Amino acid sequence: MTPPDESRQPDRQGRRRQVHLPSSLPPSEPTEDAPEELDELVPELRPMFPGAEPFLARFLPMVPTTHLGLNTRFCDLHAFLKYLHDGAWCGYLHASLGEQNAYVLLFEGRTVTAAASGATGEQALGDLLHLYEQGAALSAYALAPILAHVLSGIGSRAWKFNLTEDFTGLHARPTGAIFYARGQIVATMPATLPYEGAFPAPLRPQTLILPRSLAGWAHRQYDLTLRGRDAVNPITDVYLTFRARHGTAGLAFLRALREGLSPAEHAMRADAALHDLEPMIQEFIKTGYIQAG
């Protein structure tokens, strides 16, 4: 189904559909003579990286920078990602080194999609970290949560567009792009694809996990020692000690390791941040609860 270009469309009963914009989007100046028109205005976003090759970069909007020019000399990237995660931050990161660029989108503090030259997803996330370690400058740009959610479905290919009443995602055409949230237009952008296609956003975007080459520990399996088996047995004193220190999240993680899951697999199932699991793995090994399989 091909949607018309107008932002105001009649619904199935013939009434005009109003588009209510989030407060974090650019506001319009109020007037007294046309409140209905203002209620239905849709902002046109400008692309931050016009003409960029990766699909994700092509549709990232121009917004103010919250952190500019970070580098390894004074900012640990893993600590910065943890800071963004703890704040449930929405926005995107851009790392640039010479002609090399990488882009990562965060939704509610989690890295959910990424793109670089010739790579998307987890591999592109790894490219961004690799560029940063080589001395790339990294900047962060905050987005309204609704825009970050719309963009979270952009990957390596576009799909056939089918506008439904609850569609959330990006509709791209040779004439421009439309941002949809729950079937309503929330923004447009003069960024294009050479063909018509859609990038549907998942209801709950999944967290990207670093590739094995950059986080081998996350893809390994770990065996519980006798002490570790006692730590998941509620009738032991070791269990009480472990729970008091690591809480229910630590218990769930240790039980997942007992079941043969890798930290990366547990992170995906529990929607946990991988950078929160690495220090736990290190402490579990140091205190004798697990050993590498």
C-alpha atoms as a PDB file:
ATOM      1  CA  MET A   1       0.000   0.000   0.000  1.00  0.00           C
ATOM      2  CA  THR A   2       1.506   3.299  -1.057  1.00  0.00           C
ATOM      3  CA  PRO A   3       0.725   6.193   1.322  1.00  0.00           C
ATOM      4  CA  PRO A   4       0.044   9.675  -0.026  1.00  0.00           C
ATOM      5  CA  ASP A   5       2.533  12.434   0.629  1.00  0.00           C
ATOM      6  CA  GLU A   6       0.161  14.602   2.698  1.00  0.00           C
ATOM      7  CA  SER A   7       0.494  14.472   6.488  1.00  0.00           C
ATOM      8  CA  ARG A   8      -3.253  14.852   7.051  1.00  0.00           C
ATOM      9  CA  GLN A   9      -5.261  11.914   5.811  1.00  0.00           C
ATOM     10  CA  PRO A  10      -8.866  10.872   6.458  1.00  0.00           C
ATOM     11  CA  ASP A  11      -9.314   7.793   8.609  1.00  0.00           C
ATOM     12  CA  ARG A  12     -11.631   4.953   7.704  1.00  0.00           C
ATOM     13  CA  GLN A  13     -14.666   6.971   8.832  1.00  0.00           C
ATOM     14  CA  GLY A  14     -13.630   9.921   6.647  1.00  0.00           C
ATOM     15  CA  ARG A  15     -12.401  12.147   9.498  1.00  0.00           C
ATOM     16  CA  ARG A  16      -9.102  13.983   9.378  1.00  0.00           C
ATOM     17  CA  ARG A  17      -6.415  12.284  11.433  1.00  0.00           C
ATOM     18  CA  GLN A  18      -4.535  14.584  13.767  1.00  0.00           C
ATOM     19  CA  VAL A  19      -0.825  14.091  14.323  1.00  0.00           C
ATOM     20  CA  HIS A  20       0.195  15.048  17.873  1.00  0.00           C
ATOM     21  CA  LEU A  21       3.901  15.753  18.031  1.00  0.00           C
ATOM     22  CA  PRO A  22       6.077  14.801  21.011  1.00  0.00           C
ATOM     23  CA  SER A  23       7.157  17.734  23.116  1.00  0.00           C
ATOM     24  CA  SER A  24      10.811  16.982  22.377  1.00  0.00           C
ATOM     25  CA  LEU A  25      10.381  17.604  18.648  1.00  0.00           C
ATOM     26  CA  PRO A  26      10.939  21.120  17.266  1.00  0.00           C
ATOM     27  CA  PRO A  27       7.952  23.255  18.347  1.00  0.00           C
ATOM     28  CA  SER A  28       5.916  25.506  16.078  1.00  0.00           C
ATOM     29  CA  GLU A  29       5.082  29.109  16.857  1.00  0.00           C
ATOM     30  CA  PRO A  30       1.425  29.297  17.942  1.00  0.00           C
ATOM     31  CA  THR A  31      -1.109  31.460  16.188  1.00  0.00           C
ATOM     32  CA  GLU A  32      -4.648  32.330  17.161  1.00  0.00           C
ATOM     33  CA  ASP A  33      -6.362  31.867  13.845  1.00  0.00           C
ATOM     34  CA  ALA A  34      -5.486  28.288  12.858  1.00  0.00           C
ATOM     35  CA  PRO A  35      -5.230  25.926  15.877  1.00  0.00           C
ATOM     36  CA  GLU A  36      -6.393  22.933  13.847  1.00  0.00           C
ATOM     37  CA  GLU A  37      -3.724  23.509  11.240  1.00  0.00           C
ATOM     38  CA  LEU A  38      -0.988  23.758  13.892  1.00  0.00           C
ATOM     39  CA  ASP A  39      -2.202  20.606  15.600  1.00  0.00           C
ATOM     40  CA  GLU A  40      -1.571  18.722  12.403  1.00  0.00           C
ATOM     41  CA  LEU A  41       1.763  20.239  11.365  1.00  0.00           C
ATOM     42  CA  VAL A  42       4.522  17.696  10.809  1.00  0.00           C
ATOM     43  CA  PRO A  43       8.154  18.853  11.103  1.00  0.00           C
ATOM     44  CA  GLU A  44      10.545  18.317   8.239  1.00  0.00           C
ATOM     45  CA  LEU A  45      13.855  17.072   9.590  1.00  0.00           C
ATOM     46  CA  ARG A  46      17.152  17.791   7.857  1.00  0.00           C
ATOM     47  CA  PRO A  47      19.640  14.954   7.333  1.00  0.00           C
ATOM     48  CA  MET A  48      22.831  15.206   9.370  1.00  0.00           C
ATOM     49  CA  PHE A  49      24.818  13.206   6.801  1.00  0.00           C
ATOM     50  CA  PRO A  50      23.247  13.939   3.391  1.00  0.00           C
ATOM     51  CA  GLY A  51      24.388  11.538   0.707  1.00  0.00           C
ATOM     52  CA  ALA A  52      25.871   9.037   3.173  1.00  0.00           C
ATOM     53  CA  GLU A  53      26.148   5.499   1.835  1.00  0.00           C
ATOM     54  CA  PRO A  54      24.953   3.477   4.896  1.00  0.00           C
ATOM     55  CA  PHE A  55      21.170   3.509   5.139  1.00  0.00           C
ATOM     56  CA  LEU A  56      21.175   4.331   8.845  1.00  0.00           C
ATOM     57  CA  ALA A  57      23.453   7.351   8.389  1.00  0.00           C
ATOM     58  CA  ARG A  58      21.368   8.625   5.487  1.00  0.00           C
ATOM     59  CA  PHE A  59      18.270   9.073   7.648  1.00  0.00           C
ATOM     60  CA  LEU A  60      19.825  10.384  10.878  1.00  0.00           C
ATOM     61  CA  PRO A  61      18.372  13.837  11.540  1.00  0.00           C
ATOM     62  CA  MET A  62      20.317  17.016  12.216  1.00  0.00           C
ATOM     63  CA  VAL A  63      20.043  17.639  15.966  1.00  0.00           C
ATOM     64  CA  PRO A  64      22.218  19.405  18.566  1.00  0.00           C
ATOM     65  CA  THR A  65      25.386  17.682  19.738  1.00  0.00           C
ATOM     66  CA  THR A  66      25.427  16.605  23.383  1.00  0.00           C
ATOM     67  CA  HIS A  67      29.039  15.357  23.389  1.00  0.00           C
ATOM     68  CA  LEU A  68      31.521  16.517  20.766  1.00  0.00           C
ATOM     69  CA  GLY A  69      34.919  15.124  19.829  1.00  0.00           C
ATOM     70  CA  LEU A  70      35.383  12.471  22.510  1.00  0.00           C
ATOM     71  CA  ASN A  71      38.556  10.427  22.190  1.00  0.00           C
ATOM     72  CA  THR A  72      40.538   7.785  24.030  1.00  0.00           C
ATOM     73  CA  ARG A  73      42.829  10.311  25.720  1.00  0.00           C
ATOM     74  CA  PHE A  74      40.151  11.386  28.189  1.00  0.00           C
ATOM     75  CA  CYS A  75      37.095   9.148  27.757  1.00  0.00           C
ATOM     76  CA  ASP A  76      36.763   5.396  28.169  1.00  0.00           C
ATOM     77  CA  LEU A  77      34.150   4.344  25.626  1.00  0.00           C
ATOM     78  CA  HIS A  78      32.794   1.434  27.647  1.00  0.00           C
ATOM     79  CA  ALA A  79      32.297   3.725  30.642  1.00  0.00           C
ATOM     80  CA  PHE A  80      30.565   6.244  28.369  1.00  0.00           C
ATOM     81  CA  LEU A  81      28.218   3.556  27.007  1.00  0.00           C
ATOM     82  CA  LYS A  82      27.406   2.516  30.560  1.00  0.00           C
ATOM     83  CA  TYR A  83      26.651   6.138  31.427  1.00  0.00           C
ATOM     84  CA  LEU A  84      24.254   6.372  28.467  1.00  0.00           C
ATOM     85  CA  HIS A  85      22.661   3.049  29.406  1.00  0.00           C
ATOM     86  CA  ASP A  86      22.086   4.099  33.002  1.00  0.00           C
ATOM     87  CA  GLY A  87      20.359   7.253  31.766  1.00  0.00           C
ATOM     88  CA  ALA A  88      18.149   5.387  29.244  1.00  0.00           C
ATOM     89  CA  TRP A  89      19.555   7.784  26.632  1.00  0.00           C
ATOM     90  CA  CYS A  90      18.151   7.990  23.099  1.00  0.00           C
ATOM     91  CA  GLY A  91      20.249   9.243  20.219  1.00  0.00           C
ATOM     92  CA  TYR A  92      23.112   8.269  17.962  1.00  0.00           C
ATOM     93  CA  LEU A  93      26.900   8.112  18.025  1.00  0.00           C
ATOM     94  CA  HIS A  94      29.196   8.969  15.129  1.00  0.00           C
ATOM     95  CA  ALA A  95      32.868   8.040  15.005  1.00  0.00           C
ATOM     96  CA  SER A  96      35.084   9.460  12.272  1.00  0.00           C
ATOM     97  CA  LEU A  97      38.709   8.783  11.405  1.00  0.00           C
ATOM     98  CA  GLY A  98      39.882  10.088   8.062  1.00  0.00           C
ATOM     99  CA  GLU A  99      37.420   8.784   5.495  1.00  0.00           C
ATOM    100  CA  GLN A 100      36.168   6.025   7.802  1.00  0.00           C
ATOM    101  CA  ASN A 101      32.855   6.498   9.589  1.00  0.00           C
ATOM    102  CA  ALA A 102      30.649   4.409  11.850  1.00  0.00           C
ATOM    103  CA  TYR A 103      27.208   5.150  13.269  1.00  0.00           C
ATOM    104  CA  VAL A 104      25.390   3.566  16.216  1.00  0.00           C
ATOM    105  CA  LEU A 105      21.803   4.245  17.307  1.00  0.00           C
ATOM    106  CA  LEU A 106      20.840   3.959  20.977  1.00  0.00           C
ATOM    107  CA  PHE A 107      17.299   3.478  22.216  1.00  0.00           C
ATOM    108  CA  GLU A 108      16.639   3.695  25.961  1.00  0.00           C
ATOM    109  CA  GLY A 109      20.374   3.449  26.562  1.00  0.00           C
ATOM    110  CA  ARG A 110      20.868   0.300  24.482  1.00  0.00           C
ATOM    111  CA  THR A 111      22.774  -0.028  21.204  1.00  0.00           C
ATOM    112  CA  VAL A 112      20.078  -1.312  18.843  1.00  0.00           C
ATOM    113  CA  THR A 113      21.352  -0.769  15.295  1.00  0.00           C
ATOM    114  CA  ALA A 114      24.595   0.331  13.666  1.00  0.00           C
ATOM    115  CA  ALA A 115      26.119   0.955  10.273  1.00  0.00           C
ATOM    116  CA  ALA A 116      29.558   1.480   8.794  1.00  0.00           C
ATOM    117  CA  SER A 117      31.070   1.143   5.362  1.00  0.00           C
ATOM    118  CA  GLY A 118      30.099  -2.337   4.173  1.00  0.00           C
ATOM    119  CA  ALA A 119      28.806  -3.475   7.574  1.00  0.00           C
ATOM    120  CA  THR A 120      25.682  -3.296   9.703  1.00  0.00           C
ATOM    121  CA  GLY A 121      24.552  -4.531  13.099  1.00  0.00           C
ATOM    122  CA  GLU A 122      27.037  -6.077  15.487  1.00  0.00           C
ATOM    123  CA  GLN A 123      29.921  -5.884  13.023  1.00  0.00           C
ATOM    124  CA  ALA A 124      29.353  -2.141  12.560  1.00  0.00           C
ATOM    125  CA  LEU A 125      29.246  -1.691  16.345  1.00  0.00           C
ATOM    126  CA  GLY A 126      32.614  -3.404  16.455  1.00  0.00           C
ATOM    127  CA  ASP A 127      33.865  -1.070  13.700  1.00  0.00           C
ATOM    128  CA  LEU A 128      32.900   1.972  15.780  1.00  0.00           C
ATOM    129  CA  LEU A 129      34.782   0.656  18.821  1.00  0.00           C
ATOM    130  CA  HIS A 130      37.769  -0.223  16.653  1.00  0.00           C
ATOM    131  CA  LEU A 131      37.848   3.253  15.084  1.00  0.00           C
ATOM    132  CA  TYR A 132      37.649   4.813  18.534  1.00  0.00           C
ATOM    133  CA  GLU A 133      40.557   2.739  19.792  1.00  0.00           C
ATOM    134  CA  GLN A 134      42.559   3.916  16.761  1.00  0.00           C
ATOM    135  CA  GLY A 135      41.993   7.554  17.724  1.00  0.00           C
ATOM    136  CA  ALA A 136      38.721   8.461  16.019  1.00  0.00           C
ATOM    137  CA  ALA A 137      36.730  11.427  17.290  1.00  0.00           C
ATOM    138  CA  LEU A 138      33.304  10.432  18.586  1.00  0.00           C
ATOM    139  CA  SER A 139      30.242  12.641  18.991  1.00  0.00           C
ATOM    140  CA  ALA A 140      26.804  11.979  20.446  1.00  0.00           C
ATOM    141  CA  TYR A 141      23.491  13.446  19.309  1.00  0.00           C
ATOM    142  CA  ALA A 142      20.309  13.172  21.390  1.00  0.00           C
ATOM    143  CA  LEU A 143      16.995  12.221  19.754  1.00  0.00           C
ATOM    144  CA  ALA A 144      13.415  12.236  20.914  1.00  0.00           C
ATOM    145  CA  PRO A 145      12.596   8.651  21.977  1.00  0.00           C
ATOM    146  CA  ILE A 146       9.900   8.376  19.298  1.00  0.00           C
ATOM    147  CA  LEU A 147      12.420   9.203  16.551  1.00  0.00           C
ATOM    148  CA  ALA A 148      14.999   6.782  17.947  1.00  0.00           C
ATOM    149  CA  HIS A 149      12.358   4.047  17.937  1.00  0.00           C
ATOM    150  CA  VAL A 150      11.378   4.807  14.335  1.00  0.00           C
ATOM    151  CA  LEU A 151      15.024   4.580  13.228  1.00  0.00           C
ATOM    152  CA  SER A 152      15.756   1.382  15.166  1.00  0.00           C
ATOM    153  CA  GLY A 153      14.576  -0.827  12.318  1.00  0.00           C
ATOM    154  CA  ILE A 154      17.066   0.423   9.725  1.00  0.00           C
ATOM    155  CA  GLY A 155      19.373  -2.386   8.668  1.00  0.00           C
ATOM    156  CA  SER A 156      21.067  -3.558   5.494  1.00  0.00           C
ATOM    157  CA  ARG A 157      17.933  -3.719   3.335  1.00  0.00           C
ATOM    158  CA  ALA A 158      14.532  -2.135   2.909  1.00  0.00           C
ATOM    159  CA  TRP A 159      11.318  -4.148   2.760  1.00  0.00           C
ATOM    160  CA  LYS A 160       8.071  -3.813   0.844  1.00  0.00           C
ATOM    161  CA  PHE A 161       6.051  -1.049   2.427  1.00  0.00           C
ATOM    162  CA  ASN A 162       2.646  -1.863   3.860  1.00  0.00           C
ATOM    163  CA  LEU A 163       1.023   0.906   5.886  1.00  0.00           C
ATOM    164  CA  THR A 164      -1.026  -0.526   8.726  1.00  0.00           C
ATOM    165  CA  GLU A 165      -2.806   1.260  11.545  1.00  0.00           C
ATOM    166  CA  ASP A 166       0.039   0.458  13.969  1.00  0.00           C
ATOM    167  CA  PHE A 167       3.052   0.740  11.609  1.00  0.00           C
ATOM    168  CA  THR A 168       6.161   2.195  13.245  1.00  0.00           C
ATOM    169  CA  GLY A 169       9.233   2.723  11.126  1.00  0.00           C
ATOM    170  CA  LEU A 170      10.645   4.593   8.163  1.00  0.00           C
ATOM    171  CA  HIS A 171       9.137   4.734   4.668  1.00  0.00           C
ATOM    172  CA  ALA A 172      11.743   5.845   2.115  1.00  0.00           C
ATOM    173  CA  ARG A 173      11.175   6.805  -1.515  1.00  0.00           C
ATOM    174  CA  PRO A 174      13.022   8.595  -4.327  1.00  0.00           C
ATOM    175  CA  THR A 175      11.123  11.740  -3.260  1.00  0.00           C
ATOM    176  CA  GLY A 176      11.884  11.637   0.470  1.00  0.00           C
ATOM    177  CA  ALA A 177      11.304   9.765   3.717  1.00  0.00           C
ATOM    178  CA  ILE A 178       8.406   9.603   6.158  1.00  0.00           C
ATOM    179  CA  PHE A 179       8.710   8.740   9.864  1.00  0.00           C
ATOM    180  CA  TYR A 180       5.730   6.755  11.166  1.00  0.00           C
ATOM    181  CA  ALA A 181       4.818   5.981  14.775  1.00  0.00           C
ATOM    182  CA  ARG A 182       1.798   3.744  15.385  1.00  0.00           C
ATOM    183  CA  GLY A 183       0.443   4.492  11.921  1.00  0.00           C
ATOM    184  CA  GLN A 184       0.773   8.264  12.159  1.00  0.00           C
ATOM    185  CA  ILE A 185       3.276  10.553  10.472  1.00  0.00           C
ATOM    186  CA  VAL A 186       5.524  12.273  13.008  1.00  0.00           C
ATOM    187  CA  ALA A 187       8.188  13.723  10.680  1.00  0.00           C
ATOM    188  CA  THR A 188       9.446  13.856   7.117  1.00  0.00           C
ATOM    189  CA  MET A 189      12.952  14.181   5.709  1.00  0.00           C
ATOM    190  CA  PRO A 190      14.315  15.019   2.240  1.00  0.00           C
ATOM    191  CA  ALA A 191      16.568  11.942   2.295  1.00  0.00           C
ATOM    192  CA  THR A 192      15.927   9.305  -0.334  1.00  0.00           C
ATOM    193  CA  LEU A 193      16.376   5.786  -1.595  1.00  0.00           C
ATOM    194  CA  PRO A 194      16.517   5.044  -5.337  1.00  0.00           C
ATOM    195  CA  TYR A 195      13.478   2.800  -4.825  1.00  0.00           C
ATOM    196  CA  GLU A 196      10.512   2.636  -2.473  1.00  0.00           C
ATOM    197  CA  GLY A 197      11.001   0.586   0.671  1.00  0.00           C
ATOM    198  CA  ALA A 198      10.313   0.409   4.379  1.00  0.00           C
ATOM    199  CA  PHE A 199      12.336  -0.186   7.520  1.00  0.00           C
ATOM    200  CA  PRO A 200       9.818  -1.441  10.116  1.00  0.00           C
ATOM    201  CA  ALA A 201      10.844  -0.804  13.713  1.00  0.00           C
ATOM    202  CA  PRO A 202      10.632  -3.760  16.110  1.00  0.00           C
ATOM    203  CA  LEU A 203       8.213  -3.421  18.983  1.00  0.00           C
ATOM    204  CA  ARG A 204      11.104  -3.967  21.396  1.00  0.00           C
ATOM    205  CA  PRO A 205      14.464  -3.349  19.665  1.00  0.00           C
ATOM    206  CA  GLN A 206      17.083  -5.886  20.690  1.00  0.00           C
ATOM    207  CA  THR A 207      20.484  -4.931  22.043  1.00  0.00           C
ATOM    208  CA  LEU A 208      23.477  -5.437  19.765  1.00  0.00           C
ATOM    209  CA  ILE A 209      26.208  -7.702  21.118  1.00  0.00           C
ATOM    210  CA  LEU A 210      29.853  -7.166  20.244  1.00  0.00           C
ATOM    211  CA  PRO A 211      31.263  -9.658  17.706  1.00  0.00           C
ATOM    212  CA  ARG A 212      33.430 -12.491  19.024  1.00  0.00           C
ATOM    213  CA  SER A 213      36.640 -10.857  17.788  1.00  0.00           C
ATOM    214  CA  LEU A 214      36.102  -7.923  20.172  1.00  0.00           C
ATOM    215  CA  ALA A 215      34.359  -9.648  23.084  1.00  0.00           C
ATOM    216  CA  GLY A 216      35.444 -13.269  23.100  1.00  0.00           C
ATOM    217  CA  TRP A 217      34.599 -13.606  26.796  1.00  0.00           C
ATOM    218  CA  ALA A 218      30.938 -12.872  26.019  1.00  0.00           C
ATOM    219  CA  HIS A 219      30.626 -15.798  23.629  1.00  0.00           C
ATOM    220  CA  ARG A 220      32.317 -18.420  25.831  1.00  0.00           C
ATOM    221  CA  GLN A 221      30.635 -20.923  28.082  1.00  0.00           C
ATOM    222  CA  TYR A 222      31.520 -21.133  31.774  1.00  0.00           C
ATOM    223  CA  ASP A 223      31.282 -24.067  34.157  1.00  0.00           C
ATOM    224  CA  LEU A 224      30.086 -23.653  37.721  1.00  0.00           C
ATOM    225  CA  THR A 225      32.479 -24.871  40.404  1.00  0.00           C
ATOM    226  CA  LEU A 226      31.216 -26.680  43.506  1.00  0.00           C
ATOM    227  CA  ARG A 227      31.045 -23.274  45.185  1.00  0.00           C
ATOM    228  CA  GLY A 228      29.074 -21.935  42.220  1.00  0.00           C
ATOM    229  CA  ARG A 229      26.583 -24.809  42.402  1.00  0.00           C
ATOM    230  CA  ASP A 230      26.117 -24.060  46.102  1.00  0.00           C
ATOM    231  CA  ALA A 231      25.494 -20.407  45.203  1.00  0.00           C
ATOM    232  CA  VAL A 232      22.344 -21.314  43.245  1.00  0.00           C
ATOM    233  CA  ASN A 233      21.071 -23.758  45.880  1.00  0.00           C
ATOM    234  CA  PRO A 234      18.710 -21.917  48.275  1.00  0.00           C
ATOM    235  CA  ILE A 235      19.414 -24.270  51.177  1.00  0.00           C
ATOM    236  CA  THR A 236      23.110 -23.315  51.451  1.00  0.00           C
ATOM    237  CA  ASP A 237      24.835 -20.492  53.274  1.00  0.00           C
ATOM    238  CA  VAL A 238      26.790 -19.760  50.084  1.00  0.00           C
ATOM    239  CA  TYR A 239      23.480 -18.950  48.369  1.00  0.00           C
ATOM    240  CA  LEU A 240      22.624 -16.376  51.037  1.00  0.00           C
ATOM    241  CA  THR A 241      26.064 -14.765  50.756  1.00  0.00           C
ATOM    242  CA  PHE A 242      25.935 -14.682  46.962  1.00  0.00           C
ATOM    243  CA  ARG A 243      22.408 -13.254  46.847  1.00  0.00           C
ATOM    244  CA  ALA A 244      23.251 -10.551  49.376  1.00  0.00           C
ATOM    245  CA  ARG A 245      26.152  -9.395  47.181  1.00  0.00           C
ATOM    246  CA  HIS A 246      24.834  -9.870  43.640  1.00  0.00           C
ATOM    247  CA  GLY A 247      21.052  -9.759  44.045  1.00  0.00           C
ATOM    248  CA  THR A 248      18.452 -11.483  41.898  1.00  0.00           C
ATOM    249  CA  ALA A 249      20.075 -10.310  38.664  1.00  0.00           C
ATOM    250  CA  GLY A 250      23.357 -11.977  39.657  1.00  0.00           C
ATOM    251  CA  LEU A 251      21.526 -15.177  40.563  1.00  0.00           C
ATOM    252  CA  ALA A 252      19.711 -15.201  37.237  1.00  0.00           C
ATOM    253  CA  PHE A 253      23.025 -14.734  35.427  1.00  0.00           C
ATOM    254  CA  LEU A 254      24.744 -17.542  37.352  1.00  0.00           C
ATOM    255  CA  ARG A 255      21.812 -19.866  36.683  1.00  0.00           C
ATOM    256  CA  ALA A 256      22.003 -19.028  32.981  1.00  0.00           C
ATOM    257  CA  LEU A 257      25.689 -19.963  32.979  1.00  0.00           C
ATOM    258  CA  ARG A 258      24.794 -23.251  34.704  1.00  0.00           C
ATOM    259  CA  GLU A 259      22.326 -23.950  31.884  1.00  0.00           C
ATOM    260  CA  GLY A 260      25.116 -23.559  29.315  1.00  0.00           C
ATOM    261  CA  LEU A 261      24.253 -20.075  28.047  1.00  0.00           C
ATOM    262  CA  SER A 262      27.056 -17.706  27.148  1.00  0.00           C
ATOM    263  CA  PRO A 263      26.965 -14.174  28.578  1.00  0.00           C
ATOM    264  CA  ALA A 264      25.954 -12.889  25.130  1.00  0.00           C
ATOM    265  CA  GLU A 265      23.025 -15.302  24.965  1.00  0.00           C
ATOM    266  CA  HIS A 266      21.931 -14.355  28.471  1.00  0.00           C
ATOM    267  CA  ALA A 267      22.163 -10.658  27.583  1.00  0.00           C
ATOM    268  CA  MET A 268      19.854 -11.204  24.618  1.00  0.00           C
ATOM    269  CA  ARG A 269      17.302 -13.237  26.591  1.00  0.00           C
ATOM    270  CA  ALA A 270      17.289 -11.002  29.667  1.00  0.00           C
ATOM    271  CA  ASP A 271      17.661  -7.713  27.747  1.00  0.00           C
ATOM    272  CA  ALA A 272      20.720  -7.002  29.882  1.00  0.00           C
ATOM    273  CA  ALA A 273      23.629  -4.698  29.045  1.00  0.00           C
ATOM    274  CA  LEU A 274      26.719  -6.689  28.112  1.00  0.00           C
ATOM    275  CA  HIS A 275      29.048  -4.156  29.743  1.00  0.00           C
ATOM    276  CA  ASP A 276      27.295  -4.852  33.060  1.00  0.00           C
ATOM    277  CA  LEU A 277      28.001  -8.587  32.734  1.00  0.00           C
ATOM    278  CA  GLU A 278      31.744  -8.386  32.089  1.00  0.00           C
ATOM    279  CA  PRO A 279      32.724  -7.251  35.625  1.00  0.00           C
ATOM    280  CA  MET A 280      30.383  -9.905  37.040  1.00  0.00           C
ATOM    281  CA  ILE A 281      32.141 -12.607  35.009  1.00  0.00           C
ATOM    282  CA  GLN A 282      35.500 -11.384  36.242  1.00  0.00           C
ATOM    283  CA  GLU A 283      34.346 -11.389  39.864  1.00  0.00           C
ATOM    284  CA  PHE A 284      32.675 -14.818  39.566  1.00  0.00           C
ATOM    285  CA  ILE A 285      35.986 -16.244  38.337  1.00  0.00           C
ATOM    286  CA  LYS A 286      38.033 -14.393  40.966  1.00  0.00           C
ATOM    287  CA  THR A 287      35.807 -15.555  43.838  1.00  0.00           C
ATOM    288  CA  GLY A 288      35.689 -19.155  42.627  1.00  0.00           C
ATOM    289  CA  TYR A 289      32.082 -19.477  41.446  1.00  0.00           C
ATOM    290  CA  ILE A 290      32.866 -20.300  37.801  1.00  0.00           C
ATOM    291  CA  GLN A 291      35.684 -21.294  35.514  1.00  0.00           C
ATOM    292  CA  ALA A 292      36.066 -20.984  31.752  1.00  0.00           C
ATOM    293  CA  GLY A 293      34.636 -23.960  29.918  1.00  0.00           C
END
